[in-house]
Amino acid sequence: MFHFHQVSQEPLANVAVSTASAASNVVIAAKQGYFVRVVSGLLMAAGTVDVTIEDSAGTNISGLVALTAQTGFIIPECAAGAFDTPADKGLNILLGQAIQVSGYIRYQYVKNPTVS
């Protein structure tokens, strides 16, 4: 879900991504009363790996992206946000294989408009 009408007063932040666990890896923790808005990012794989971006409940935000060694993908800079997690959910990266994936995610927390 994307909340076009919801503008954040929270600062932008960067988080480094460096994981190699064939699991759902926490990248950005959930914050009660907020959703996570991703504004840009970069992920690179050291080997062949299936990558899916999901929320902290395990719901897919992206489809599966099959990467090969020394490939990756960019989430282009978008001040309005490329995508949001649902409210009260963080952002995880699910790796299908135990292969190193590194990069960064630029994000901000946005207050859930249904919470006063």
N, C-alpha and C. Protein backbone atom coordinates (compact mmCIF):
# COMPACT_ATOMS: atom_id res chain seq x y z
N MET A 1 0.85 -1.17 0.00
CA MET A 1 0.00 0.00 0.00
C MET A 1 0.89 1.23 0.00
N PHE A 2 0.51 2.20 -0.80
CA PHE A 2 1.29 3.43 -0.85
C PHE A 2 0.40 4.58 -0.42
N HIS A 3 0.89 5.41 0.45
CA HIS A 3 0.13 6.50 1.03
C HIS A 3 0.59 7.83 0.43
N PHE A 4 0.18 8.10 -0.83
CA PHE A 4 0.63 9.31 -1.52
C PHE A 4 0.32 10.57 -0.73
N HIS A 5 -0.81 10.59 -0.07
CA HIS A 5 -1.25 11.80 0.62
C HIS A 5 -0.50 12.04 1.93
N GLN A 6 0.18 11.05 2.41
CA GLN A 6 0.81 11.14 3.72
C GLN A 6 2.25 11.62 3.58
N VAL A 7 2.53 12.82 4.05
CA VAL A 7 3.88 13.39 4.01
C VAL A 7 4.53 13.15 5.37
N SER A 8 5.79 12.79 5.35
CA SER A 8 6.49 12.50 6.59
C SER A 8 7.27 13.70 7.09
N GLN A 9 7.26 13.88 8.38
CA GLN A 9 8.10 14.88 9.02
C GLN A 9 9.36 14.24 9.60
N GLU A 10 9.47 12.94 9.45
CA GLU A 10 10.62 12.20 9.97
C GLU A 10 11.81 12.38 9.01
N PRO A 11 13.02 12.38 9.55
CA PRO A 11 14.20 12.53 8.68
C PRO A 11 14.45 11.27 7.85
N LEU A 12 15.12 11.45 6.71
CA LEU A 12 15.57 10.31 5.93
C LEU A 12 16.73 9.64 6.65
N ALA A 13 16.82 8.33 6.50
CA ALA A 13 17.90 7.58 7.12
C ALA A 13 18.42 6.55 6.12
N ASN A 14 19.64 6.11 6.31
CA ASN A 14 20.24 5.05 5.49
C ASN A 14 20.53 3.86 6.39
N VAL A 15 20.33 2.68 5.84
CA VAL A 15 20.72 1.47 6.56
C VAL A 15 21.56 0.63 5.61
N ALA A 16 22.70 0.16 6.11
CA ALA A 16 23.55 -0.72 5.33
C ALA A 16 22.95 -2.12 5.33
N VAL A 17 22.99 -2.78 4.19
CA VAL A 17 22.53 -4.15 4.07
C VAL A 17 23.75 -5.03 3.87
N SER A 18 23.90 -6.03 4.70
CA SER A 18 24.98 -7.00 4.57
C SER A 18 24.52 -8.28 5.24
N THR A 19 24.04 -9.21 4.42
CA THR A 19 23.52 -10.45 4.97
C THR A 19 23.80 -11.60 4.03
N ALA A 20 23.87 -12.78 4.59
CA ALA A 20 24.11 -13.98 3.79
C ALA A 20 23.29 -15.16 4.32
N SER A 21 22.26 -14.88 5.09
CA SER A 21 21.43 -15.95 5.67
C SER A 21 20.27 -16.28 4.74
N ALA A 22 20.10 -17.57 4.47
CA ALA A 22 18.98 -18.03 3.66
C ALA A 22 17.73 -17.99 4.54
N ALA A 23 17.23 -16.78 4.75
CA ALA A 23 16.12 -16.56 5.67
C ALA A 23 15.55 -15.18 5.41
N SER A 24 14.56 -14.82 6.19
CA SER A 24 14.01 -13.46 6.16
C SER A 24 14.86 -12.61 7.10
N ASN A 25 15.60 -11.67 6.53
CA ASN A 25 16.56 -10.86 7.27
C ASN A 25 16.01 -9.47 7.54
N VAL A 26 15.97 -9.08 8.81
CA VAL A 26 15.47 -7.76 9.18
C VAL A 26 16.43 -6.69 8.68
N VAL A 27 15.89 -5.71 7.95
CA VAL A 27 16.68 -4.60 7.46
C VAL A 27 16.30 -3.31 8.19
N ILE A 28 14.99 -3.09 8.33
CA ILE A 28 14.49 -1.90 9.03
C ILE A 28 13.43 -2.37 10.03
N ALA A 29 13.63 -2.06 11.30
CA ALA A 29 12.71 -2.50 12.34
C ALA A 29 11.37 -1.78 12.23
N ALA A 30 10.33 -2.45 12.65
CA ALA A 30 9.00 -1.85 12.71
C ALA A 30 8.99 -0.77 13.78
N LYS A 31 8.15 0.22 13.59
CA LYS A 31 7.96 1.29 14.57
C LYS A 31 6.45 1.45 14.75
N GLN A 32 5.99 1.25 15.98
CA GLN A 32 4.55 1.29 16.27
C GLN A 32 3.94 2.63 15.85
N GLY A 33 2.84 2.57 15.09
CA GLY A 33 2.15 3.77 14.65
C GLY A 33 2.72 4.37 13.37
N TYR A 34 3.69 3.70 12.75
CA TYR A 34 4.34 4.19 11.54
C TYR A 34 4.44 3.08 10.51
N PHE A 35 4.61 3.47 9.25
CA PHE A 35 5.01 2.53 8.22
C PHE A 35 6.37 2.99 7.69
N VAL A 36 7.06 2.12 6.99
CA VAL A 36 8.38 2.41 6.43
C VAL A 36 8.20 2.82 4.98
N ARG A 37 8.72 3.98 4.60
CA ARG A 37 8.71 4.43 3.21
C ARG A 37 10.13 4.32 2.66
N VAL A 38 10.32 3.49 1.66
CA VAL A 38 11.63 3.34 1.01
C VAL A 38 11.70 4.34 -0.13
N VAL A 39 12.76 5.17 -0.12
CA VAL A 39 12.91 6.19 -1.16
C VAL A 39 14.01 5.85 -2.17
N SER A 40 14.92 4.94 -1.83
CA SER A 40 15.93 4.47 -2.78
C SER A 40 16.70 3.32 -2.17
N GLY A 41 17.53 2.69 -2.99
CA GLY A 41 18.35 1.61 -2.49
C GLY A 41 19.17 0.95 -3.57
N LEU A 42 20.04 0.08 -3.13
CA LEU A 42 20.90 -0.69 -4.02
C LEU A 42 21.21 -2.01 -3.33
N LEU A 43 21.03 -3.11 -4.03
CA LEU A 43 21.39 -4.42 -3.51
C LEU A 43 22.22 -5.14 -4.56
N MET A 44 23.33 -5.76 -4.13
CA MET A 44 24.23 -6.50 -5.00
C MET A 44 24.47 -7.89 -4.40
N ALA A 45 24.54 -8.89 -5.27
CA ALA A 45 24.73 -10.27 -4.83
C ALA A 45 26.14 -10.76 -5.17
N ALA A 46 26.73 -11.52 -4.27
CA ALA A 46 28.05 -12.10 -4.51
C ALA A 46 27.97 -13.38 -5.33
N GLY A 47 26.78 -13.98 -5.38
CA GLY A 47 26.58 -15.22 -6.14
C GLY A 47 25.12 -15.32 -6.55
N THR A 48 24.74 -16.46 -7.07
CA THR A 48 23.37 -16.66 -7.52
C THR A 48 22.45 -16.80 -6.31
N VAL A 49 21.43 -15.94 -6.26
CA VAL A 49 20.52 -15.92 -5.11
C VAL A 49 19.17 -15.35 -5.53
N ASP A 50 18.11 -15.88 -4.93
CA ASP A 50 16.77 -15.34 -5.12
C ASP A 50 16.48 -14.37 -3.98
N VAL A 51 16.06 -13.15 -4.33
CA VAL A 51 15.82 -12.08 -3.35
C VAL A 51 14.37 -11.62 -3.45
N THR A 52 13.72 -11.49 -2.30
CA THR A 52 12.37 -10.93 -2.25
C THR A 52 12.33 -9.91 -1.13
N ILE A 53 11.80 -8.74 -1.40
CA ILE A 53 11.59 -7.73 -0.35
C ILE A 53 10.22 -8.00 0.25
N GLU A 54 10.18 -8.04 1.58
CA GLU A 54 8.93 -8.34 2.27
C GLU A 54 8.80 -7.49 3.52
N ASP A 55 7.58 -7.45 4.07
CA ASP A 55 7.41 -6.76 5.35
C ASP A 55 7.77 -7.72 6.47
N SER A 56 7.78 -7.21 7.69
CA SER A 56 8.22 -8.02 8.83
C SER A 56 7.25 -9.13 9.20
N ALA A 57 6.08 -9.16 8.57
CA ALA A 57 5.13 -10.26 8.79
C ALA A 57 5.32 -11.35 7.74
N GLY A 58 6.24 -11.13 6.79
CA GLY A 58 6.51 -12.12 5.76
C GLY A 58 5.67 -11.98 4.51
N THR A 59 4.97 -10.85 4.36
CA THR A 59 4.17 -10.59 3.16
C THR A 59 5.06 -9.94 2.10
N ASN A 60 5.02 -10.49 0.90
CA ASN A 60 5.86 -9.97 -0.17
C ASN A 60 5.48 -8.54 -0.55
N ILE A 61 6.50 -7.70 -0.68
CA ILE A 61 6.34 -6.35 -1.24
C ILE A 61 6.79 -6.38 -2.69
N SER A 62 7.84 -7.15 -2.97
CA SER A 62 8.30 -7.34 -4.35
C SER A 62 8.06 -8.78 -4.74
N GLY A 63 8.18 -9.02 -6.02
CA GLY A 63 8.24 -10.40 -6.49
C GLY A 63 9.66 -10.91 -6.30
N LEU A 64 9.85 -12.17 -6.60
CA LEU A 64 11.18 -12.76 -6.50
C LEU A 64 12.08 -12.18 -7.58
N VAL A 65 13.27 -11.76 -7.19
CA VAL A 65 14.28 -11.24 -8.12
C VAL A 65 15.44 -12.23 -8.11
N ALA A 66 15.68 -12.88 -9.24
CA ALA A 66 16.76 -13.87 -9.35
C ALA A 66 18.03 -13.14 -9.79
N LEU A 67 19.02 -13.13 -8.90
CA LEU A 67 20.29 -12.46 -9.18
C LEU A 67 21.38 -13.49 -9.42
N THR A 68 22.33 -13.14 -10.26
CA THR A 68 23.51 -13.98 -10.46
C THR A 68 24.71 -13.24 -9.87
N ALA A 69 25.84 -13.90 -9.84
CA ALA A 69 27.04 -13.32 -9.22
C ALA A 69 27.37 -11.95 -9.79
N GLN A 70 27.64 -11.03 -8.89
CA GLN A 70 28.04 -9.65 -9.21
C GLN A 70 26.95 -8.87 -9.96
N THR A 71 25.70 -9.23 -9.70
CA THR A 71 24.58 -8.45 -10.24
C THR A 71 23.74 -7.93 -9.08
N GLY A 72 22.84 -7.03 -9.39
CA GLY A 72 22.00 -6.48 -8.36
C GLY A 72 20.88 -5.67 -8.96
N PHE A 73 20.30 -4.84 -8.14
CA PHE A 73 19.27 -3.94 -8.64
C PHE A 73 19.24 -2.66 -7.83
N ILE A 74 18.73 -1.63 -8.47
CA ILE A 74 18.62 -0.30 -7.86
C ILE A 74 17.15 0.01 -7.64
N ILE A 75 16.85 0.60 -6.52
CA ILE A 75 15.55 1.22 -6.29
C ILE A 75 15.80 2.70 -6.55
N PRO A 76 15.33 3.23 -7.68
CA PRO A 76 15.65 4.62 -8.04
C PRO A 76 15.15 5.62 -6.99
N GLU A 77 15.90 6.70 -6.82
CA GLU A 77 15.53 7.76 -5.88
C GLU A 77 14.15 8.30 -6.24
N CYS A 78 13.27 8.32 -5.26
CA CYS A 78 11.92 8.84 -5.44
C CYS A 78 11.53 9.53 -4.14
N ALA A 79 11.53 10.87 -4.13
CA ALA A 79 11.27 11.63 -2.91
C ALA A 79 9.91 11.29 -2.31
N ALA A 80 8.94 10.96 -3.16
CA ALA A 80 7.61 10.60 -2.66
C ALA A 80 7.57 9.17 -2.14
N GLY A 81 8.63 8.42 -2.38
CA GLY A 81 8.72 7.04 -1.92
C GLY A 81 8.50 6.06 -3.05
N ALA A 82 9.35 5.05 -3.11
CA ALA A 82 9.21 3.99 -4.11
C ALA A 82 8.14 3.01 -3.68
N PHE A 83 8.09 2.69 -2.37
CA PHE A 83 7.05 1.83 -1.82
C PHE A 83 7.04 1.97 -0.31
N ASP A 84 5.94 1.54 0.30
CA ASP A 84 5.74 1.57 1.75
C ASP A 84 5.48 0.16 2.25
N THR A 85 5.84 -0.09 3.50
CA THR A 85 5.37 -1.30 4.18
C THR A 85 3.99 -0.98 4.73
N PRO A 86 3.24 -2.00 5.14
CA PRO A 86 2.01 -1.72 5.87
C PRO A 86 2.35 -1.07 7.23
N ALA A 87 1.37 -0.43 7.82
CA ALA A 87 1.57 0.20 9.13
C ALA A 87 2.02 -0.84 10.15
N ASP A 88 2.91 -0.41 11.04
CA ASP A 88 3.42 -1.23 12.14
C ASP A 88 4.27 -2.42 11.67
N LYS A 89 4.75 -2.38 10.43
CA LYS A 89 5.59 -3.46 9.90
C LYS A 89 6.93 -2.89 9.47
N GLY A 90 7.98 -3.66 9.70
CA GLY A 90 9.31 -3.29 9.26
C GLY A 90 9.58 -3.84 7.87
N LEU A 91 10.83 -3.76 7.44
CA LEU A 91 11.22 -4.21 6.11
C LEU A 91 12.25 -5.32 6.24
N ASN A 92 12.02 -6.43 5.56
CA ASN A 92 12.93 -7.57 5.56
C ASN A 92 13.35 -7.87 4.13
N ILE A 93 14.48 -8.57 4.01
CA ILE A 93 14.93 -9.10 2.73
C ILE A 93 15.04 -10.61 2.89
N LEU A 94 14.27 -11.32 2.09
CA LEU A 94 14.27 -12.78 2.11
C LEU A 94 15.26 -13.29 1.06
N LEU A 95 16.24 -14.07 1.52
CA LEU A 95 17.20 -14.69 0.61
C LEU A 95 16.86 -16.17 0.47
N GLY A 96 16.82 -16.65 -0.77
CA GLY A 96 16.51 -18.05 -1.02
C GLY A 96 17.71 -18.97 -0.81
N GLN A 97 18.91 -18.40 -0.85
CA GLN A 97 20.14 -19.16 -0.66
C GLN A 97 21.07 -18.37 0.25
N ALA A 98 22.01 -19.08 0.87
CA ALA A 98 22.97 -18.43 1.78
C ALA A 98 24.10 -17.81 0.95
N ILE A 99 23.79 -16.69 0.32
CA ILE A 99 24.74 -15.95 -0.52
C ILE A 99 24.80 -14.51 -0.01
N GLN A 100 25.97 -13.92 0.02
CA GLN A 100 26.13 -12.54 0.48
C GLN A 100 25.38 -11.56 -0.42
N VAL A 101 24.55 -10.74 0.21
CA VAL A 101 23.86 -9.63 -0.47
C VAL A 101 24.18 -8.38 0.34
N SER A 102 24.65 -7.35 -0.36
CA SER A 102 25.07 -6.12 0.31
C SER A 102 24.51 -4.91 -0.42
N GLY A 103 24.47 -3.80 0.26
CA GLY A 103 24.03 -2.56 -0.35
C GLY A 103 23.50 -1.61 0.71
N TYR A 104 22.47 -0.86 0.35
CA TYR A 104 21.87 0.10 1.29
C TYR A 104 20.41 0.32 0.94
N ILE A 105 19.66 0.78 1.91
CA ILE A 105 18.28 1.22 1.72
C ILE A 105 18.16 2.60 2.37
N ARG A 106 17.60 3.55 1.64
CA ARG A 106 17.32 4.90 2.17
C ARG A 106 15.82 4.96 2.42
N TYR A 107 15.45 5.38 3.63
CA TYR A 107 14.05 5.27 4.04
C TYR A 107 13.69 6.36 5.05
N GLN A 108 12.41 6.40 5.38
CA GLN A 108 11.94 7.22 6.49
C GLN A 108 10.69 6.56 7.07
N TYR A 109 10.47 6.83 8.33
CA TYR A 109 9.23 6.39 8.98
C TYR A 109 8.16 7.44 8.69
N VAL A 110 6.95 6.99 8.40
CA VAL A 110 5.84 7.88 8.12
C VAL A 110 4.70 7.51 9.07
N LYS A 111 4.17 8.51 9.76
CA LYS A 111 3.11 8.26 10.74
C LYS A 111 1.89 7.71 10.04
N ASN A 112 1.32 6.67 10.64
CA ASN A 112 0.11 6.05 10.13
C ASN A 112 -1.04 7.07 10.27
N PRO A 113 -1.71 7.43 9.18
CA PRO A 113 -2.76 8.46 9.26
C PRO A 113 -3.97 8.02 10.08
N THR A 114 -4.10 6.74 10.37
CA THR A 114 -5.25 6.27 11.16
C THR A 114 -4.97 6.30 12.65
N VAL A 115 -3.75 6.66 13.04
CA VAL A 115 -3.36 6.72 14.46
C VAL A 115 -3.26 8.20 14.84
N SER A 116 -3.94 8.57 15.91
CA SER A 116 -3.88 9.98 16.33
C SER A 116 -2.76 10.25 17.31
